[in-house]
Amino acid sequence: MGDFREATWIALGLLARFDVTLGSIVGLSLAVSLAAVVIAACVGLPAGVALAICRFKSRRIIVLLVNALLGLPPVVVGLATYLMLSPAGPLGRFGLL
């Protein structure tokens, strides 16, 4: 319990002093998150609109698949993505990690 209390006080001290390193870490994290949201919105919003408006042969199957994928925990999706991008994975030769 002492380690947790000490870490909490250190973190509060960094926040109170407006630490530059902490600010750059938070800024980078926010920039990456914002970029991910923009990319996902650019892909997902048109795809969702098309799936909702357009009528085509395999629409029911795609809606079923999309709904099933929405039930996956984010940790499973993250692990699968990491395994795809790892050096032993199918996209590892591109060096994206």
PDB file of N, CA and C in Angstrom:
ATOM      1  N   MET A   1       0.818  -1.187   0.000  1.00  0.00           N
ATOM      2  CA  MET A   1       0.000   0.000   0.000  1.00  0.00           C
ATOM      3  C   MET A   1       0.859   1.248   0.000  1.00  0.00           C
ATOM      4  N   GLY A   2       2.051   1.169   0.577  1.00  0.00           N
ATOM      5  CA  GLY A   2       2.948   2.313   0.630  1.00  0.00           C
ATOM      6  C   GLY A   2       3.437   2.722  -0.741  1.00  0.00           C
ATOM      7  N   ASP A   3       3.687   1.738  -1.614  1.00  0.00           N
ATOM      8  CA  ASP A   3       4.141   2.054  -2.970  1.00  0.00           C
ATOM      9  C   ASP A   3       3.064   2.795  -3.755  1.00  0.00           C
ATOM     10  N   PHE A   4       1.819   2.379  -3.577  1.00  0.00           N
ATOM     11  CA  PHE A   4       0.717   3.039  -4.272  1.00  0.00           C
ATOM     12  C   PHE A   4       0.561   4.478  -3.792  1.00  0.00           C
ATOM     13  N   ARG A   5       0.675   4.674  -2.496  1.00  0.00           N
ATOM     14  CA  ARG A   5       0.552   6.024  -1.927  1.00  0.00           C
ATOM     15  C   ARG A   5       1.695   6.908  -2.422  1.00  0.00           C
ATOM     16  N   GLU A   6       2.894   6.350  -2.440  1.00  0.00           N
ATOM     17  CA  GLU A   6       4.058   7.118  -2.909  1.00  0.00           C
ATOM     18  C   GLU A   6       3.917   7.471  -4.393  1.00  0.00           C
ATOM     19  N   ALA A   7       3.478   6.519  -5.203  1.00  0.00           N
ATOM     20  CA  ALA A   7       3.290   6.780  -6.632  1.00  0.00           C
ATOM     21  C   ALA A   7       2.212   7.836  -6.855  1.00  0.00           C
ATOM     22  N   THR A   8       1.161   7.802  -6.040  1.00  0.00           N
ATOM     23  CA  THR A   8       0.096   8.799  -6.151  1.00  0.00           C
ATOM     24  C   THR A   8       0.627  10.194  -5.845  1.00  0.00           C
ATOM     25  N   TRP A   9       1.425  10.316  -4.813  1.00  0.00           N
ATOM     26  CA  TRP A   9       1.987  11.628  -4.468  1.00  0.00           C
ATOM     27  C   TRP A   9       2.946  12.125  -5.546  1.00  0.00           C
ATOM     28  N   ILE A  10       3.725  11.231  -6.120  1.00  0.00           N
ATOM     29  CA  ILE A  10       4.640  11.630  -7.204  1.00  0.00           C
ATOM     30  C   ILE A  10       3.840  12.119  -8.408  1.00  0.00           C
ATOM     31  N   ALA A  11       2.778  11.385  -8.748  1.00  0.00           N
ATOM     32  CA  ALA A  11       1.941  11.771  -9.888  1.00  0.00           C
ATOM     33  C   ALA A  11       1.270  13.117  -9.636  1.00  0.00           C
ATOM     34  N   LEU A  12       0.756  13.323  -8.432  1.00  0.00           N
ATOM     35  CA  LEU A  12       0.127  14.604  -8.119  1.00  0.00           C
ATOM     36  C   LEU A  12       1.138  15.746  -8.145  1.00  0.00           C
ATOM     37  N   GLY A  13       2.364  15.458  -7.723  1.00  0.00           N
ATOM     38  CA  GLY A  13       3.417  16.473  -7.785  1.00  0.00           C
ATOM     39  C   GLY A  13       3.748  16.852  -9.225  1.00  0.00           C
ATOM     40  N   LEU A  14       3.815  15.860 -10.112  1.00  0.00           N
ATOM     41  CA  LEU A  14       4.071  16.146 -11.527  1.00  0.00           C
ATOM     42  C   LEU A  14       2.948  16.980 -12.132  1.00  0.00           C
ATOM     43  N   LEU A  15       1.719  16.662 -11.763  1.00  0.00           N
ATOM     44  CA  LEU A  15       0.587  17.441 -12.268  1.00  0.00           C
ATOM     45  C   LEU A  15       0.597  18.864 -11.722  1.00  0.00           C
ATOM     46  N   ALA A  16       0.937  19.024 -10.458  1.00  0.00           N
ATOM     47  CA  ALA A  16       0.936  20.350  -9.836  1.00  0.00           C
ATOM     48  C   ALA A  16       2.034  21.248 -10.411  1.00  0.00           C
ATOM     49  N   ARG A  17       3.174  20.646 -10.785  1.00  0.00           N
ATOM     50  CA  ARG A  17       4.293  21.434 -11.328  1.00  0.00           C
ATOM     51  C   ARG A  17       4.185  21.658 -12.822  1.00  0.00           C
ATOM     52  N   PHE A  18       3.155  21.095 -13.461  1.00  0.00           N
ATOM     53  CA  PHE A  18       3.006  21.170 -14.924  1.00  0.00           C
ATOM     54  C   PHE A  18       4.292  20.694 -15.606  1.00  0.00           C
ATOM     55  N   ASP A  19       4.694  19.475 -15.259  1.00  0.00           N
ATOM     56  CA  ASP A  19       5.935  18.893 -15.778  1.00  0.00           C
ATOM     57  C   ASP A  19       5.908  18.837 -17.311  1.00  0.00           C
ATOM     58  N   VAL A  20       6.998  19.295 -17.936  1.00  0.00           N
ATOM     59  CA  VAL A  20       7.074  19.368 -19.401  1.00  0.00           C
ATOM     60  C   VAL A  20       7.043  17.975 -20.025  1.00  0.00           C
ATOM     61  N   THR A  21       7.762  17.034 -19.439  1.00  0.00           N
ATOM     62  CA  THR A  21       7.786  15.671 -19.980  1.00  0.00           C
ATOM     63  C   THR A  21       6.402  15.033 -19.910  1.00  0.00           C
ATOM     64  N   LEU A  22       5.747  15.209 -18.789  1.00  0.00           N
ATOM     65  CA  LEU A  22       4.388  14.678 -18.646  1.00  0.00           C
ATOM     66  C   LEU A  22       3.450  15.328 -19.655  1.00  0.00           C
ATOM     67  N   GLY A  23       3.599  16.621 -19.863  1.00  0.00           N
ATOM     68  CA  GLY A  23       2.778  17.334 -20.837  1.00  0.00           C
ATOM     69  C   GLY A  23       2.987  16.823 -22.246  1.00  0.00           C
ATOM     70  N   SER A  24       4.248  16.528 -22.596  1.00  0.00           N
ATOM     71  CA  SER A  24       4.508  16.009 -23.945  1.00  0.00           C
ATOM     72  C   SER A  24       3.954  14.596 -24.113  1.00  0.00           C
ATOM     73  N   ILE A  25       4.012  13.800 -23.068  1.00  0.00           N
ATOM     74  CA  ILE A  25       3.454  12.443 -23.129  1.00  0.00           C
ATOM     75  C   ILE A  25       1.937  12.501 -23.292  1.00  0.00           C
ATOM     76  N   VAL A  26       1.294  13.349 -22.507  1.00  0.00           N
ATOM     77  CA  VAL A  26      -0.159  13.491 -22.600  1.00  0.00           C
ATOM     78  C   VAL A  26      -0.549  14.058 -23.967  1.00  0.00           C
ATOM     79  N   GLY A  27       0.216  15.039 -24.452  1.00  0.00           N
ATOM     80  CA  GLY A  27      -0.070  15.617 -25.767  1.00  0.00           C
ATOM     81  C   GLY A  27       0.051  14.600 -26.883  1.00  0.00           C
ATOM     82  N   LEU A  28       1.097  13.773 -26.855  1.00  0.00           N
ATOM     83  CA  LEU A  28       1.268  12.739 -27.866  1.00  0.00           C
ATOM     84  C   LEU A  28       0.144  11.714 -27.799  1.00  0.00           C
ATOM     85  N   SER A  29      -0.238  11.339 -26.583  1.00  0.00           N
ATOM     86  CA  SER A  29      -1.331  10.380 -26.426  1.00  0.00           C
ATOM     87  C   SER A  29      -2.635  10.937 -26.980  1.00  0.00           C
ATOM     88  N   LEU A  30      -2.912  12.203 -26.717  1.00  0.00           N
ATOM     89  CA  LEU A  30      -4.123  12.823 -27.246  1.00  0.00           C
ATOM     90  C   LEU A  30      -4.080  12.951 -28.764  1.00  0.00           C
ATOM     91  N   ALA A  31      -2.907  13.260 -29.315  1.00  0.00           N
ATOM     92  CA  ALA A  31      -2.778  13.384 -30.768  1.00  0.00           C
ATOM     93  C   ALA A  31      -2.999  12.046 -31.460  1.00  0.00           C
ATOM     94  N   VAL A  32      -2.434  10.983 -30.907  1.00  0.00           N
ATOM     95  CA  VAL A  32      -2.615   9.650 -31.491  1.00  0.00           C
ATOM     96  C   VAL A  32      -4.080   9.222 -31.389  1.00  0.00           C
ATOM     97  N   SER A  33      -4.697   9.478 -30.241  1.00  0.00           N
ATOM     98  CA  SER A  33      -6.106   9.124 -30.061  1.00  0.00           C
ATOM     99  C   SER A  33      -6.999   9.899 -31.016  1.00  0.00           C
ATOM    100  N   LEU A  34      -6.729  11.183 -31.185  1.00  0.00           N
ATOM    101  CA  LEU A  34      -7.526  11.995 -32.097  1.00  0.00           C
ATOM    102  C   LEU A  34      -7.353  11.526 -33.541  1.00  0.00           C
ATOM    103  N   ALA A  35      -6.127  11.196 -33.924  1.00  0.00           N
ATOM    104  CA  ALA A  35      -5.893  10.684 -35.281  1.00  0.00           C
ATOM    105  C   ALA A  35      -6.629   9.365 -35.503  1.00  0.00           C
ATOM    106  N   ALA A  36      -6.631   8.495 -34.504  1.00  0.00           N
ATOM    107  CA  ALA A  36      -7.343   7.227 -34.626  1.00  0.00           C
ATOM    108  C   ALA A  36      -8.844   7.440 -34.754  1.00  0.00           C
ATOM    109  N   VAL A  37      -9.385   8.385 -34.013  1.00  0.00           N
ATOM    110  CA  VAL A  37     -10.817   8.665 -34.091  1.00  0.00           C
ATOM    111  C   VAL A  37     -11.179   9.235 -35.456  1.00  0.00           C
ATOM    112  N   VAL A  38     -10.356  10.143 -35.981  1.00  0.00           N
ATOM    113  CA  VAL A  38     -10.628  10.739 -37.297  1.00  0.00           C
ATOM    114  C   VAL A  38     -10.570   9.675 -38.392  1.00  0.00           C
ATOM    115  N   ILE A  39      -9.558   8.818 -38.357  1.00  0.00           N
ATOM    116  CA  ILE A  39      -9.445   7.761 -39.372  1.00  0.00           C
ATOM    117  C   ILE A  39     -10.620   6.793 -39.268  1.00  0.00           C
ATOM    118  N   ALA A  40     -10.969   6.402 -38.041  1.00  0.00           N
ATOM    119  CA  ALA A  40     -12.096   5.480 -37.860  1.00  0.00           C
ATOM    120  C   ALA A  40     -13.408   6.110 -38.311  1.00  0.00           C
ATOM    121  N   ALA A  41     -13.579   7.404 -38.060  1.00  0.00           N
ATOM    122  CA  ALA A  41     -14.807   8.078 -38.487  1.00  0.00           C
ATOM    123  C   ALA A  41     -14.872   8.188 -40.005  1.00  0.00           C
ATOM    124  N   CYS A  42     -13.734   8.464 -40.633  1.00  0.00           N
ATOM    125  CA  CYS A  42     -13.706   8.573 -42.098  1.00  0.00           C
ATOM    126  C   CYS A  42     -14.044   7.242 -42.769  1.00  0.00           C
ATOM    127  N   VAL A  43     -13.699   6.153 -42.131  1.00  0.00           N
ATOM    128  CA  VAL A  43     -14.004   4.834 -42.692  1.00  0.00           C
ATOM    129  C   VAL A  43     -15.381   4.349 -42.228  1.00  0.00           C
ATOM    130  N   GLY A  44     -15.655   4.491 -40.929  1.00  0.00           N
ATOM    131  CA  GLY A  44     -16.848   3.901 -40.346  1.00  0.00           C
ATOM    132  C   GLY A  44     -18.150   4.612 -40.660  1.00  0.00           C
ATOM    133  N   LEU A  45     -18.130   5.937 -40.687  1.00  0.00           N
ATOM    134  CA  LEU A  45     -19.377   6.658 -40.944  1.00  0.00           C
ATOM    135  C   LEU A  45     -19.930   6.394 -42.348  1.00  0.00           C
ATOM    136  N   PRO A  46     -19.131   6.509 -43.403  1.00  0.00           N
ATOM    137  CA  PRO A  46     -19.685   6.174 -44.719  1.00  0.00           C
ATOM    138  C   PRO A  46     -20.099   4.708 -44.837  1.00  0.00           C
ATOM    139  N   ALA A  47     -19.327   3.818 -44.235  1.00  0.00           N
ATOM    140  CA  ALA A  47     -19.687   2.393 -44.291  1.00  0.00           C
ATOM    141  C   ALA A  47     -21.001   2.139 -43.546  1.00  0.00           C
ATOM    142  N   GLY A  48     -21.190   2.780 -42.399  1.00  0.00           N
ATOM    143  CA  GLY A  48     -22.425   2.614 -41.650  1.00  0.00           C
ATOM    144  C   GLY A  48     -23.628   3.189 -42.381  1.00  0.00           C
ATOM    145  N   VAL A  49     -23.429   4.351 -42.998  1.00  0.00           N
ATOM    146  CA  VAL A  49     -24.523   4.954 -43.774  1.00  0.00           C
ATOM    147  C   VAL A  49     -24.882   4.058 -44.952  1.00  0.00           C
ATOM    148  N   ALA A  50     -23.871   3.561 -45.638  1.00  0.00           N
ATOM    149  CA  ALA A  50     -24.128   2.675 -46.781  1.00  0.00           C
ATOM    150  C   ALA A  50     -24.844   1.400 -46.348  1.00  0.00           C
ATOM    151  N   LEU A  51     -24.442   0.858 -45.212  1.00  0.00           N
ATOM    152  CA  LEU A  51     -25.083  -0.358 -44.714  1.00  0.00           C
ATOM    153  C   LEU A  51     -26.526  -0.102 -44.275  1.00  0.00           C
ATOM    154  N   ALA A  52     -26.782   1.102 -43.774  1.00  0.00           N
ATOM    155  CA  ALA A  52     -28.139   1.421 -43.322  1.00  0.00           C
ATOM    156  C   ALA A  52     -29.075   1.776 -44.474  1.00  0.00           C
ATOM    157  N   ILE A  53     -28.558   2.428 -45.505  1.00  0.00           N
ATOM    158  CA  ILE A  53     -29.412   2.937 -46.583  1.00  0.00           C
ATOM    159  C   ILE A  53     -29.529   1.962 -47.748  1.00  0.00           C
ATOM    160  N   CYS A  54     -28.414   1.435 -48.175  1.00  0.00           N
ATOM    161  CA  CYS A  54     -28.397   0.602 -49.387  1.00  0.00           C
ATOM    162  C   CYS A  54     -28.984  -0.779 -49.109  1.00  0.00           C
ATOM    163  N   ARG A  55     -29.676  -1.293 -50.077  1.00  0.00           N
ATOM    164  CA  ARG A  55     -30.223  -2.656 -50.008  1.00  0.00           C
ATOM    165  C   ARG A  55     -29.485  -3.500 -51.042  1.00  0.00           C
ATOM    166  N   PHE A  56     -28.865  -4.577 -50.593  1.00  0.00           N
ATOM    167  CA  PHE A  56     -28.155  -5.474 -51.496  1.00  0.00           C
ATOM    168  C   PHE A  56     -28.278  -6.892 -50.992  1.00  0.00           C
ATOM    169  N   LYS A  57     -27.789  -7.812 -51.775  1.00  0.00           N
ATOM    170  CA  LYS A  57     -28.054  -9.238 -51.572  1.00  0.00           C
ATOM    171  C   LYS A  57     -27.592  -9.766 -50.198  1.00  0.00           C
ATOM    172  N   SER A  58     -26.374  -9.495 -49.817  1.00  0.00           N
ATOM    173  CA  SER A  58     -25.827 -10.078 -48.581  1.00  0.00           C
ATOM    174  C   SER A  58     -25.844  -9.095 -47.413  1.00  0.00           C
ATOM    175  N   ARG A  59     -26.760  -8.142 -47.422  1.00  0.00           N
ATOM    176  CA  ARG A  59     -26.823  -7.127 -46.383  1.00  0.00           C
ATOM    177  C   ARG A  59     -27.080  -7.731 -45.002  1.00  0.00           C
ATOM    178  N   ARG A  60     -27.981  -8.674 -44.909  1.00  0.00           N
ATOM    179  CA  ARG A  60     -28.308  -9.275 -43.609  1.00  0.00           C
ATOM    180  C   ARG A  60     -27.105  -9.979 -42.993  1.00  0.00           C
ATOM    181  N   ILE A  61     -26.326 -10.649 -43.825  1.00  0.00           N
ATOM    182  CA  ILE A  61     -25.135 -11.343 -43.322  1.00  0.00           C
ATOM    183  C   ILE A  61     -24.105 -10.338 -42.825  1.00  0.00           C
ATOM    184  N   ILE A  62     -23.925  -9.251 -43.552  1.00  0.00           N
ATOM    185  CA  ILE A  62     -22.954  -8.230 -43.149  1.00  0.00           C
ATOM    186  C   ILE A  62     -23.409  -7.553 -41.855  1.00  0.00           C
ATOM    187  N   VAL A  63     -24.701  -7.256 -41.725  1.00  0.00           N
ATOM    188  CA  VAL A  63     -25.217  -6.668 -40.486  1.00  0.00           C
ATOM    189  C   VAL A  63     -25.001  -7.628 -39.321  1.00  0.00           C
ATOM    190  N   LEU A  64     -25.237  -8.903 -39.530  1.00  0.00           N
ATOM    191  CA  LEU A  64     -25.008  -9.905 -38.497  1.00  0.00           C
ATOM    192  C   LEU A  64     -23.528  -9.953 -38.099  1.00  0.00           C
ATOM    193  N   LEU A  65     -22.640  -9.927 -39.074  1.00  0.00           N
ATOM    194  CA  LEU A  65     -21.198  -9.945 -38.810  1.00  0.00           C
ATOM    195  C   LEU A  65     -20.749  -8.692 -38.062  1.00  0.00           C
ATOM    196  N   VAL A  66     -21.241  -7.526 -38.487  1.00  0.00           N
ATOM    197  CA  VAL A  66     -20.875  -6.272 -37.816  1.00  0.00           C
ATOM    198  C   VAL A  66     -21.362  -6.288 -36.368  1.00  0.00           C
ATOM    199  N   ASN A  67     -22.585  -6.726 -36.139  1.00  0.00           N
ATOM    200  CA  ASN A  67     -23.099  -6.802 -34.772  1.00  0.00           C
ATOM    201  C   ASN A  67     -22.306  -7.788 -33.922  1.00  0.00           C
ATOM    202  N   ALA A  68     -21.881  -8.895 -34.499  1.00  0.00           N
ATOM    203  CA  ALA A  68     -21.065  -9.861 -33.755  1.00  0.00           C
ATOM    204  C   ALA A  68     -19.709  -9.264 -33.401  1.00  0.00           C
ATOM    205  N   LEU A  69     -19.111  -8.527 -34.331  1.00  0.00           N
ATOM    206  CA  LEU A  69     -17.803  -7.916 -34.065  1.00  0.00           C
ATOM    207  C   LEU A  69     -17.893  -6.816 -33.016  1.00  0.00           C
ATOM    208  N   LEU A  70     -19.041  -6.145 -32.918  1.00  0.00           N
ATOM    209  CA  LEU A  70     -19.209  -5.115 -31.900  1.00  0.00           C
ATOM    210  C   LEU A  70     -19.214  -5.706 -30.493  1.00  0.00           C
ATOM    211  N   GLY A  71     -19.475  -6.996 -30.382  1.00  0.00           N
ATOM    212  CA  GLY A  71     -19.478  -7.648 -29.081  1.00  0.00           C
ATOM    213  C   GLY A  71     -18.112  -8.114 -28.611  1.00  0.00           C
ATOM    214  N   LEU A  72     -17.098  -7.996 -29.464  1.00  0.00           N
ATOM    215  CA  LEU A  72     -15.753  -8.422 -29.063  1.00  0.00           C
ATOM    216  C   LEU A  72     -15.146  -7.447 -28.065  1.00  0.00           C
ATOM    217  N   PRO A  73     -14.485  -7.950 -27.044  1.00  0.00           N
ATOM    218  CA  PRO A  73     -13.788  -7.052 -26.118  1.00  0.00           C
ATOM    219  C   PRO A  73     -12.613  -6.362 -26.829  1.00  0.00           C
ATOM    220  N   PRO A  74     -12.355  -5.098 -26.495  1.00  0.00           N
ATOM    221  CA  PRO A  74     -11.246  -4.375 -27.133  1.00  0.00           C
ATOM    222  C   PRO A  74      -9.888  -5.047 -26.937  1.00  0.00           C
ATOM    223  N   VAL A  75      -9.713  -5.748 -25.823  1.00  0.00           N
ATOM    224  CA  VAL A  75      -8.435  -6.418 -25.585  1.00  0.00           C
ATOM    225  C   VAL A  75      -8.204  -7.507 -26.629  1.00  0.00           C
ATOM    226  N   VAL A  76      -9.244  -8.228 -26.998  1.00  0.00           N
ATOM    227  CA  VAL A  76      -9.119  -9.287 -28.009  1.00  0.00           C
ATOM    228  C   VAL A  76      -8.752  -8.683 -29.357  1.00  0.00           C
ATOM    229  N   VAL A  77      -9.397  -7.575 -29.714  1.00  0.00           N
ATOM    230  CA  VAL A  77      -9.092  -6.918 -30.983  1.00  0.00           C
ATOM    231  C   VAL A  77      -7.662  -6.387 -30.978  1.00  0.00           C
ATOM    232  N   GLY A  78      -7.244  -5.788 -29.874  1.00  0.00           N
ATOM    233  CA  GLY A  78      -5.874  -5.286 -29.771  1.00  0.00           C
ATOM    234  C   GLY A  78      -4.839  -6.396 -29.856  1.00  0.00           C
ATOM    235  N   LEU A  79      -5.104  -7.509 -29.209  1.00  0.00           N
ATOM    236  CA  LEU A  79      -4.184  -8.647 -29.263  1.00  0.00           C
ATOM    237  C   LEU A  79      -4.105  -9.212 -30.672  1.00  0.00           C
ATOM    238  N   ALA A  80      -5.241  -9.337 -31.341  1.00  0.00           N
ATOM    239  CA  ALA A  80      -5.239  -9.833 -32.720  1.00  0.00           C
ATOM    240  C   ALA A  80      -4.484  -8.880 -33.648  1.00  0.00           C
ATOM    241  N   THR A  81      -4.674  -7.589 -33.452  1.00  0.00           N
ATOM    242  CA  THR A  81      -3.952  -6.602 -34.271  1.00  0.00           C
ATOM    243  C   THR A  81      -2.455  -6.689 -34.019  1.00  0.00           C
ATOM    244  N   TYR A  82      -2.070  -6.805 -32.755  1.00  0.00           N
ATOM    245  CA  TYR A  82      -0.644  -6.929 -32.435  1.00  0.00           C
ATOM    246  C   TYR A  82      -0.055  -8.191 -33.065  1.00  0.00           C
ATOM    247  N   LEU A  83      -0.768  -9.289 -32.985  1.00  0.00           N
ATOM    248  CA  LEU A  83      -0.257 -10.530 -33.569  1.00  0.00           C
ATOM    249  C   LEU A  83      -0.133 -10.429 -35.090  1.00  0.00           C
ATOM    250  N   MET A  84      -1.046  -9.700 -35.719  1.00  0.00           N
ATOM    251  CA  MET A  84      -0.955  -9.512 -37.175  1.00  0.00           C
ATOM    252  C   MET A  84       0.271  -8.670 -37.543  1.00  0.00           C
ATOM    253  N   LEU A  85       0.597  -7.679 -36.698  1.00  0.00           N
ATOM    254  CA  LEU A  85       1.691  -6.753 -37.008  1.00  0.00           C
ATOM    255  C   LEU A  85       3.035  -7.200 -36.452  1.00  0.00           C
ATOM    256  N   SER A  86       3.058  -8.200 -35.568  1.00  0.00           N
ATOM    257  CA  SER A  86       4.321  -8.655 -34.974  1.00  0.00           C
ATOM    258  C   SER A  86       5.207  -9.267 -36.054  1.00  0.00           C
ATOM    259  N   PRO A  87       6.496  -9.333 -35.820  1.00  0.00           N
ATOM    260  CA  PRO A  87       7.408  -9.874 -36.833  1.00  0.00           C
ATOM    261  C   PRO A  87       7.064 -11.286 -37.300  1.00  0.00           C
ATOM    262  N   ALA A  88       6.437 -12.089 -36.452  1.00  0.00           N
ATOM    263  CA  ALA A  88       6.054 -13.445 -36.847  1.00  0.00           C
ATOM    264  C   ALA A  88       4.708 -13.478 -37.555  1.00  0.00           C
ATOM    265  N   GLY A  89       3.978 -12.368 -37.549  1.00  0.00           N
ATOM    266  CA  GLY A  89       2.654 -12.331 -38.149  1.00  0.00           C
ATOM    267  C   GLY A  89       2.698 -12.090 -39.648  1.00  0.00           C
ATOM    268  N   PRO A  90       1.537 -12.139 -40.290  1.00  0.00           N
ATOM    269  CA  PRO A  90       1.491 -11.984 -41.740  1.00  0.00           C
ATOM    270  C   PRO A  90       1.886 -10.594 -42.236  1.00  0.00           C
ATOM    271  N   LEU A  91       1.735  -9.562 -41.414  1.00  0.00           N
ATOM    272  CA  LEU A  91       2.122  -8.218 -41.829  1.00  0.00           C
ATOM    273  C   LEU A  91       3.434  -7.769 -41.196  1.00  0.00           C
ATOM    274  N   GLY A  92       4.138  -8.708 -40.565  1.00  0.00           N
ATOM    275  CA  GLY A  92       5.388  -8.380 -39.880  1.00  0.00           C
ATOM    276  C   GLY A  92       6.502  -7.925 -40.779  1.00  0.00           C
ATOM    277  N   ARG A  93       6.497  -8.378 -42.031  1.00  0.00           N
ATOM    278  CA  ARG A  93       7.593  -8.017 -42.951  1.00  0.00           C
ATOM    279  C   ARG A  93       7.599  -6.527 -43.309  1.00  0.00           C
ATOM    280  N   PHE A  94       6.473  -5.835 -43.048  1.00  0.00           N
ATOM    281  CA  PHE A  94       6.413  -4.396 -43.346  1.00  0.00           C
ATOM    282  C   PHE A  94       7.003  -3.546 -42.242  1.00  0.00           C
ATOM    283  N   GLY A  95       7.283  -4.124 -41.081  1.00  0.00           N
ATOM    284  CA  GLY A  95       7.914  -3.397 -39.966  1.00  0.00           C
ATOM    285  C   GLY A  95       7.041  -2.272 -39.411  1.00  0.00           C
ATOM    286  N   LEU A  96       5.768  -2.512 -39.250  1.00  0.00           N
ATOM    287  CA  LEU A  96       4.859  -1.462 -38.790  1.00  0.00           C
ATOM    288  C   LEU A  96       4.877  -1.264 -37.277  1.00  0.00           C
ATOM    289  N   LEU A  97       5.398  -2.226 -36.524  1.00  0.00           N
ATOM    290  CA  LEU A  97       5.464  -2.051 -35.069  1.00  0.00           C
ATOM    291  C   LEU A  97       6.634  -1.187 -34.680  1.00  0.00           C
TER     292      LEU A  97
END
